[in-house]
PDB file of N, CA and C in Angstrom:
ATOM      1  N   UNK A   1     127.513 119.197 211.637  1.00  0.00           N
ATOM      2  CA  UNK A   1     126.085 119.719 212.291  1.00  0.00           C
ATOM      3  C   UNK A   1     126.014 121.445 212.644  1.00  0.00           C
ATOM      4  N   UNK A   2     124.856 121.260 213.168  1.00  0.00           N
ATOM      5  CA  UNK A   2     124.448 122.741 212.850  1.00  0.00           C
ATOM      6  C   UNK A   2     124.904 123.421 214.020  1.00  0.00           C
ATOM      7  N   UNK A   3     124.862 125.016 214.022  1.00  0.00           N
ATOM      8  CA  UNK A   3     125.076 125.479 215.437  1.00  0.00           C
ATOM      9  C   UNK A   3     123.854 125.423 216.504  1.00  0.00           C
ATOM     10  N   UNK A   4     123.120 124.801 216.311  1.00  0.00           N
ATOM     11  CA  UNK A   4     121.739 124.824 217.065  1.00  0.00           C
ATOM     12  C   UNK A   4     121.673 123.592 217.588  1.00  0.00           C
ATOM     13  N   UNK A   5     122.049 122.331 216.725  1.00  0.00           N
ATOM     14  CA  UNK A   5     122.168 120.915 217.127  1.00  0.00           C
ATOM     15  C   UNK A   5     123.588 121.493 218.115  1.00  0.00           C
ATOM     16  N   UNK A   6     124.758 121.794 218.049  1.00  0.00           N
ATOM     17  CA  UNK A   6     125.552 121.651 218.856  1.00  0.00           C
ATOM     18  C   UNK A   6     125.398 122.341 219.981  1.00  0.00           C
ATOM     19  N   UNK A   7     124.425 123.555 220.005  1.00  0.00           N
ATOM     20  CA  UNK A   7     124.394 124.167 221.276  1.00  0.00           C
ATOM     21  C   UNK A   7     123.323 123.395 222.549  1.00  0.00           C
ATOM     22  N   UNK A   8     122.257 122.333 221.897  1.00  0.00           N
ATOM     23  CA  UNK A   8     120.984 121.628 221.740  1.00  0.00           C
ATOM     24  C   UNK A   8     122.161 120.792 223.041  1.00  0.00           C
ATOM     25  N   UNK A   9     123.037 119.879 222.128  1.00  0.00           N
ATOM     26  CA  UNK A   9     123.773 118.994 222.533  1.00  0.00           C
ATOM     27  C   UNK A   9     124.721 119.638 224.563  1.00  0.00           C
ATOM     28  N   UNK A  10     124.992 120.770 224.016  1.00  0.00           N
ATOM     29  CA  UNK A  10     125.986 121.352 225.328  1.00  0.00           C
ATOM     30  C   UNK A  10     124.487 122.186 226.264  1.00  0.00           C
ATOM     31  N   UNK A  11     123.763 121.871 226.283  1.00  0.00           N
ATOM     32  CA  UNK A  11     122.845 122.219 227.190  1.00  0.00           C
ATOM     33  C   UNK A  11     122.394 121.090 227.438  1.00  0.00           C
ATOM     34  N   UNK A  12     122.036 120.000 226.920  1.00  0.00           N
ATOM     35  CA  UNK A  12     122.047 118.721 227.675  1.00  0.00           C
ATOM     36  C   UNK A  12     122.632 118.388 228.819  1.00  0.00           C
ATOM     37  N   UNK A  13     123.996 118.717 227.925  1.00  0.00           N
ATOM     38  CA  UNK A  13     125.170 117.693 228.939  1.00  0.00           C
ATOM     39  C   UNK A  13     125.150 118.560 230.371  1.00  0.00           C
ATOM     40  N   UNK A  14     125.046 120.142 230.199  1.00  0.00           N
ATOM     41  CA  UNK A  14     125.316 120.912 231.017  1.00  0.00           C
ATOM     42  C   UNK A  14     123.539 120.401 232.083  1.00  0.00           C
ATOM     43  N   UNK A  15     122.683 120.284 231.541  1.00  0.00           N
ATOM     44  CA  UNK A  15     121.772 120.251 232.697  1.00  0.00           C
ATOM     45  C   UNK A  15     121.450 118.955 233.099  1.00  0.00           C
ATOM     46  N   UNK A  16     122.171 117.839 232.912  1.00  0.00           N
ATOM     47  CA  UNK A  16     122.454 116.628 233.226  1.00  0.00           C
ATOM     48  C   UNK A  16     123.333 117.161 234.464  1.00  0.00           C
ATOM     49  N   UNK A  17     124.687 117.732 233.950  1.00  0.00           N
ATOM     50  CA  UNK A  17     125.505 118.022 235.108  1.00  0.00           C
ATOM     51  C   UNK A  17     125.152 118.579 236.211  1.00  0.00           C
ATOM     52  N   UNK A  18     124.297 119.981 236.129  1.00  0.00           N
ATOM     53  CA  UNK A  18     123.846 120.912 237.299  1.00  0.00           C
ATOM     54  C   UNK A  18     122.554 119.692 238.107  1.00  0.00           C
ATOM     55  N   UNK A  19     122.065 118.718 237.632  1.00  0.00           N
ATOM     56  CA  UNK A  19     121.265 118.196 238.233  1.00  0.00           C
ATOM     57  C   UNK A  19     122.028 116.758 239.376  1.00  0.00           C
ATOM     58  N   UNK A  20     123.375 116.413 239.398  1.00  0.00           N
ATOM     59  CA  UNK A  20     123.618 116.179 240.554  1.00  0.00           C
ATOM     60  C   UNK A  20     124.057 116.580 241.099  1.00  0.00           C
ATOM     61  N   UNK A  21     123.113 115.186 242.595  1.00  0.00           N
ATOM     62  CA  UNK A  21     123.262 116.003 243.694  1.00  0.00           C
ATOM     63  C   UNK A  21     124.465 116.305 244.681  1.00  0.00           C
ATOM     64  N   UNK A  22     125.182 115.133 244.447  1.00  0.00           N
ATOM     65  CA  UNK A  22     126.484 115.196 245.808  1.00  0.00           C
ATOM     66  C   UNK A  22     128.221 115.005 244.927  1.00  0.00           C
ATOM     67  N   UNK A  23     127.749 113.851 244.099  1.00  0.00           N
ATOM     68  CA  UNK A  23     128.656 113.588 243.121  1.00  0.00           C
ATOM     69  C   UNK A  23     128.756 113.661 241.678  1.00  0.00           C
ATOM     70  N   UNK A  24     129.598 114.088 240.883  1.00  0.00           N
ATOM     71  CA  UNK A  24     129.212 113.780 239.444  1.00  0.00           C
ATOM     72  C   UNK A  24     130.734 112.973 238.898  1.00  0.00           C
ATOM     73  N   UNK A  25     130.780 112.180 238.362  1.00  0.00           N
ATOM     74  CA  UNK A  25     132.113 111.399 237.843  1.00  0.00           C
ATOM     75  C   UNK A  25     131.740 111.571 236.561  1.00  0.00           C
ATOM     76  N   UNK A  26     133.088 111.900 235.911  1.00  0.00           N
ATOM     77  CA  UNK A  26     132.882 112.320 234.270  1.00  0.00           C
ATOM     78  C   UNK A  26     134.270 111.337 233.837  1.00  0.00           C
ATOM     79  N   UNK A  27     133.617 110.581 232.818  1.00  0.00           N
ATOM     80  CA  UNK A  27     134.773 109.795 232.256  1.00  0.00           C
ATOM     81  C   UNK A  27     134.486 109.041 230.921  1.00  0.00           C
ATOM     82  N   UNK A  28     135.675 108.839 230.095  1.00  0.00           N
ATOM     83  CA  UNK A  28     135.603 108.296 228.889  1.00  0.00           C
ATOM     84  C   UNK A  28     136.085 107.291 228.669  1.00  0.00           C
ATOM     85  N   UNK A  29     135.563 106.436 227.288  1.00  0.00           N
ATOM     86  CA  UNK A  29     136.087 105.005 227.065  1.00  0.00           C
ATOM     87  C   UNK A  29     137.015 104.732 226.392  1.00  0.00           C
ATOM     88  N   UNK A  30     137.542 104.273 226.247  1.00  0.00           N
ATOM     89  CA  UNK A  30     138.854 103.986 225.171  1.00  0.00           C
ATOM     90  C   UNK A  30     138.261 103.552 223.662  1.00  0.00           C
ATOM     91  N   UNK A  31     137.190 102.155 224.347  1.00  0.00           N
ATOM     92  CA  UNK A  31     136.324 101.627 222.549  1.00  0.00           C
ATOM     93  C   UNK A  31     135.280 101.321 223.330  1.00  0.00           C
ATOM     94  N   UNK A  32     134.724 101.249 222.178  1.00  0.00           N
ATOM     95  CA  UNK A  32     132.944 100.846 222.503  1.00  0.00           C
ATOM     96  C   UNK A  32     132.401  99.860 220.877  1.00  0.00           C
ATOM     97  N   UNK A  33     131.727  98.996 221.706  1.00  0.00           N
ATOM     98  CA  UNK A  33     131.191  98.245 220.274  1.00  0.00           C
ATOM     99  C   UNK A  33     130.523  98.849 219.390  1.00  0.00           C
ATOM    100  N   UNK A  34     130.128  99.370 218.322  1.00  0.00           N
ATOM    101  CA  UNK A  34     129.485  99.493 217.034  1.00  0.00           C
ATOM    102  C   UNK A  34     128.864  98.352 215.989  1.00  0.00           C
ATOM    103  N   UNK A  35     127.941  97.583 216.843  1.00  0.00           N
ATOM    104  CA  UNK A  35     127.480  96.624 215.635  1.00  0.00           C
ATOM    105  C   UNK A  35     128.167  95.219 216.464  1.00  0.00           C
ATOM    106  N   UNK A  36     129.040  94.600 215.633  1.00  0.00           N
ATOM    107  CA  UNK A  36     130.110  93.220 215.738  1.00  0.00           C
ATOM    108  C   UNK A  36     131.593  94.467 215.776  1.00  0.00           C
ATOM    109  N   UNK A  37     131.871  95.292 215.366  1.00  0.00           N
ATOM    110  CA  UNK A  37     133.176  96.295 215.494  1.00  0.00           C
ATOM    111  C   UNK A  37     133.388  96.530 216.828  1.00  0.00           C
ATOM    112  N   UNK A  38     134.432  96.743 217.281  1.00  0.00           N
ATOM    113  CA  UNK A  38     134.838  97.376 218.422  1.00  0.00           C
ATOM    114  C   UNK A  38     135.560  98.943 217.342  1.00  0.00           C
ATOM    115  N   UNK A  39     135.247  99.858 218.389  1.00  0.00           N
ATOM    116  CA  UNK A  39     135.608 101.098 217.360  1.00  0.00           C
ATOM    117  C   UNK A  39     136.436 101.940 218.883  1.00  0.00           C
ATOM    118  N   UNK A  40     137.027 103.282 218.240  1.00  0.00           N
ATOM    119  CA  UNK A  40     137.892 104.049 219.379  1.00  0.00           C
ATOM    120  C   UNK A  40     136.383 104.463 219.792  1.00  0.00           C
ATOM    121  N   UNK A  41     136.374 104.728 221.319  1.00  0.00           N
ATOM    122  CA  UNK A  41     135.607 105.357 221.809  1.00  0.00           C
ATOM    123  C   UNK A  41     136.077 107.142 221.799  1.00  0.00           C
ATOM    124  N   UNK A  42     134.864 108.347 221.822  1.00  0.00           N
ATOM    125  CA  UNK A  42     135.527 109.295 221.524  1.00  0.00           C
ATOM    126  C   UNK A  42     134.862 110.750 222.663  1.00  0.00           C
ATOM    127  N   UNK A  43     135.966 111.122 223.337  1.00  0.00           N
ATOM    128  CA  UNK A  43     135.058 111.496 224.386  1.00  0.00           C
ATOM    129  C   UNK A  43     134.343 112.677 224.062  1.00  0.00           C
ATOM    130  N   UNK A  44     133.256 113.798 224.884  1.00  0.00           N
ATOM    131  CA  UNK A  44     132.611 114.187 224.393  1.00  0.00           C
ATOM    132  C   UNK A  44     133.479 115.447 223.817  1.00  0.00           C
ATOM    133  N   UNK A  45     132.966 116.538 223.181  1.00  0.00           N
ATOM    134  CA  UNK A  45     133.815 117.853 222.790  1.00  0.00           C
ATOM    135  C   UNK A  45     133.839 118.863 224.398  1.00  0.00           C
ATOM    136  N   UNK A  46     132.629 118.613 225.126  1.00  0.00           N
ATOM    137  CA  UNK A  46     132.580 119.332 226.042  1.00  0.00           C
ATOM    138  C   UNK A  46     133.127 119.246 227.437  1.00  0.00           C
ATOM    139  N   UNK A  47     134.026 118.078 227.443  1.00  0.00           N
ATOM    140  CA  UNK A  47     134.687 117.593 228.584  1.00  0.00           C
ATOM    141  C   UNK A  47     135.913 118.516 228.509  1.00  0.00           C
ATOM    142  N   UNK A  48     136.647 119.251 227.354  1.00  0.00           N
ATOM    143  CA  UNK A  48     137.517 120.178 227.532  1.00  0.00           C
ATOM    144  C   UNK A  48     137.153 121.640 227.943  1.00  0.00           C
ATOM    145  N   UNK A  49     135.779 122.057 227.542  1.00  0.00           N
ATOM    146  CA  UNK A  49     135.555 123.422 228.360  1.00  0.00           C
ATOM    147  C   UNK A  49     135.668 123.305 229.617  1.00  0.00           C
ATOM    148  N   UNK A  50     135.128 122.047 230.092  1.00  0.00           N
ATOM    149  CA  UNK A  50     135.091 121.927 231.747  1.00  0.00           C
ATOM    150  C   UNK A  50     136.122 122.224 232.310  1.00  0.00           C
ATOM    151  N   UNK A  51     137.405 122.387 231.769  1.00  0.00           N
ATOM    152  CA  UNK A  51     138.733 122.763 232.325  1.00  0.00           C
ATOM    153  C   UNK A  51     138.758 121.966 233.552  1.00  0.00           C
ATOM    154  N   UNK A  52     138.676 120.421 233.513  1.00  0.00           N
ATOM    155  CA  UNK A  52     138.679 119.411 235.018  1.00  0.00           C
ATOM    156  C   UNK A  52     140.244 119.513 235.179  1.00  0.00           C
ATOM    157  N   UNK A  53     140.800 119.896 234.265  1.00  0.00           N
ATOM    158  CA  UNK A  53     143.203 119.706 234.476  1.00  0.00           C
ATOM    159  C   UNK A  53     142.888 120.616 235.312  1.00  0.00           C
ATOM    160  N   UNK A  54     142.272 121.460 235.651  1.00  0.00           N
ATOM    161  CA  UNK A  54     142.666 123.271 236.164  1.00  0.00           C
ATOM    162  C   UNK A  54     142.403 122.918 237.686  1.00  0.00           C
ATOM    163  N   UNK A  55     141.497 121.902 238.075  1.00  0.00           N
ATOM    164  CA  UNK A  55     141.143 121.773 239.507  1.00  0.00           C
ATOM    165  C   UNK A  55     142.040 120.865 240.007  1.00  0.00           C
ATOM    166  N   UNK A  56     142.158 121.369 241.386  1.00  0.00           N
ATOM    167  CA  UNK A  56     143.459 120.857 242.335  1.00  0.00           C
ATOM    168  C   UNK A  56     142.604 119.591 242.549  1.00  0.00           C
ATOM    169  N   UNK A  57     143.621 118.343 243.420  1.00  0.00           N
ATOM    170  CA  UNK A  57     143.274 117.365 243.849  1.00  0.00           C
ATOM    171  C   UNK A  57     142.044 117.391 244.852  1.00  0.00           C
ATOM    172  N   UNK A  58     140.998 116.812 244.774  1.00  0.00           N
ATOM    173  CA  UNK A  58     140.071 116.512 245.661  1.00  0.00           C
ATOM    174  C   UNK A  58     140.594 115.482 247.036  1.00  0.00           C
ATOM    175  N   UNK A  59     139.792 116.134 247.753  1.00  0.00           N
ATOM    176  CA  UNK A  59     139.864 115.017 249.187  1.00  0.00           C
ATOM    177  C   UNK A  59     138.842 113.528 248.774  1.00  0.00           C
ATOM    178  N   UNK A  60     139.562 112.423 248.890  1.00  0.00           N
ATOM    179  CA  UNK A  60     139.091 111.281 248.864  1.00  0.00           C
ATOM    180  C   UNK A  60     137.536 111.038 250.009  1.00  0.00           C
ATOM    181  N   UNK A  61     136.261 111.108 249.805  1.00  0.00           N
ATOM    182  CA  UNK A  61     135.711 111.116 250.807  1.00  0.00           C
ATOM    183  C   UNK A  61     135.195 109.958 251.701  1.00  0.00           C
ATOM    184  N   UNK A  62     135.996 108.814 251.358  1.00  0.00           N
ATOM    185  CA  UNK A  62     136.099 107.811 252.393  1.00  0.00           C
ATOM    186  C   UNK A  62     137.502 108.261 253.304  1.00  0.00           C
ATOM    187  N   UNK A  63     138.147 108.972 252.946  1.00  0.00           N
ATOM    188  CA  UNK A  63     139.578 109.517 253.753  1.00  0.00           C
ATOM    189  C   UNK A  63     138.683 109.923 254.878  1.00  0.00           C
ATOM    190  N   UNK A  64     138.315 111.418 254.293  1.00  0.00           N
ATOM    191  CA  UNK A  64     137.908 112.353 254.988  1.00  0.00           C
ATOM    192  C   UNK A  64     136.772 112.395 256.131  1.00  0.00           C
ATOM    193  N   UNK A  65     136.057 111.203 255.332  1.00  0.00           N
ATOM    194  CA  UNK A  65     134.536 110.299 256.552  1.00  0.00           C
ATOM    195  C   UNK A  65     135.575 109.647 257.615  1.00  0.00           C
ATOM    196  N   UNK A  66     136.867 108.840 257.450  1.00  0.00           N
ATOM    197  CA  UNK A  66     137.482 108.352 258.377  1.00  0.00           C
ATOM    198  C   UNK A  66     137.950 109.021 259.592  1.00  0.00           C
ATOM    199  N   UNK A  67     138.388 110.340 259.207  1.00  0.00           N
ATOM    200  CA  UNK A  67     139.036 111.305 260.021  1.00  0.00           C
ATOM    201  C   UNK A  67     138.321 112.131 260.690  1.00  0.00           C
ATOM    202  N   UNK A  68     136.557 112.217 260.192  1.00  0.00           N
ATOM    203  CA  UNK A  68     135.590 112.579 260.839  1.00  0.00           C
ATOM    204  C   UNK A  68     135.221 112.125 262.201  1.00  0.00           C
ATOM    205  N   UNK A  69     135.331 110.422 261.745  1.00  0.00           N
ATOM    206  CA  UNK A  69     135.055 109.265 262.702  1.00  0.00           C
ATOM    207  C   UNK A  69     135.830 109.583 263.512  1.00  0.00           C
ATOM    208  N   UNK A  70     136.912 109.815 263.313  1.00  0.00           N
ATOM    209  CA  UNK A  70     138.151 109.502 264.384  1.00  0.00           C
ATOM    210  C   UNK A  70     138.135 110.433 265.395  1.00  0.00           C
ATOM    211  N   UNK A  71     138.126 112.036 265.194  1.00  0.00           N
ATOM    212  CA  UNK A  71     137.737 113.154 265.508  1.00  0.00           C
ATOM    213  C   UNK A  71     136.560 112.965 266.315  1.00  0.00           C
ATOM    214  N   UNK A  72     135.556 112.190 266.328  1.00  0.00           N
ATOM    215  CA  UNK A  72     134.132 112.175 266.725  1.00  0.00           C
ATOM    216  C   UNK A  72     134.612 111.082 268.066  1.00  0.00           C
ATOM    217  N   UNK A  73     135.501 110.347 267.696  1.00  0.00           N
ATOM    218  CA  UNK A  73     135.047 109.300 268.190  1.00  0.00           C
ATOM    219  C   UNK A  73     136.256 110.429 269.508  1.00  0.00           C
ATOM    220  N   UNK A  74     137.250 110.735 269.754  1.00  0.00           N
ATOM    221  CA  UNK A  74     138.135 111.108 270.191  1.00  0.00           C
ATOM    222  C   UNK A  74     137.404 112.115 271.279  1.00  0.00           C
ATOM    223  N   UNK A  75     136.571 112.517 270.783  1.00  0.00           N
ATOM    224  CA  UNK A  75     135.747 113.785 271.014  1.00  0.00           C
ATOM    225  C   UNK A  75     134.620 112.979 272.545  1.00  0.00           C
ATOM    226  N   UNK A  76     133.729 111.736 271.775  1.00  0.00           N
ATOM    227  CA  UNK A  76     133.105 111.259 273.008  1.00  0.00           C
ATOM    228  C   UNK A  76     134.394 110.222 273.694  1.00  0.00           C
ATOM    229  N   UNK A  77     135.783 110.026 273.843  1.00  0.00           N
ATOM    230  CA  UNK A  77     136.546 109.621 274.893  1.00  0.00           C
ATOM    231  C   UNK A  77     136.430 110.805 275.652  1.00  0.00           C
ATOM    232  N   UNK A  78     136.988 112.012 275.337  1.00  0.00           N
ATOM    233  CA  UNK A  78     137.256 113.363 276.355  1.00  0.00           C
ATOM    234  C   UNK A  78     135.764 113.197 277.113  1.00  0.00           C
ATOM    235  N   UNK A  79     134.575 113.459 276.178  1.00  0.00           N
ATOM    236  CA  UNK A  79     133.439 113.522 277.312  1.00  0.00           C
ATOM    237  C   UNK A  79     133.744 112.606 277.738  1.00  0.00           C
ATOM    238  N   UNK A  80     133.476 111.723 277.698  1.00  0.00           N
ATOM    239  CA  UNK A  80     133.238 110.087 279.122  1.00  0.00           C
ATOM    240  C   UNK A  80     134.431 110.318 280.022  1.00  0.00           C
ATOM    241  N   UNK A  81     135.536 110.946 279.405  1.00  0.00           N
ATOM    242  CA  UNK A  81     136.810 111.111 281.171  1.00  0.00           C
ATOM    243  C   UNK A  81     136.342 112.390 281.481  1.00  0.00           C
ATOM    244  N   UNK A  82     135.154 113.010 281.600  1.00  0.00           N
ATOM    245  CA  UNK A  82     135.474 114.525 282.268  1.00  0.00           C
ATOM    246  C   UNK A  82     134.268 114.320 283.677  1.00  0.00           C
TER     247      UNK A  82
END
């Protein structure tokens, strides 16, 4: 693979990443179909460059929303009691 093609592939991946508005899910596959055969899936060479393993654990958006709803409900109850 030429250096120019590699850079173009990298650029296209990062363009896709930067177009994600609120959520970006990075996944790989263990195996895939190639014709009638099942072959091992190969992760993108650029995933390692993202250093995803260095990031801390993210909050679960559903859990964060549940807590926010509880807080708002408590505020609404407090306002109704005043």
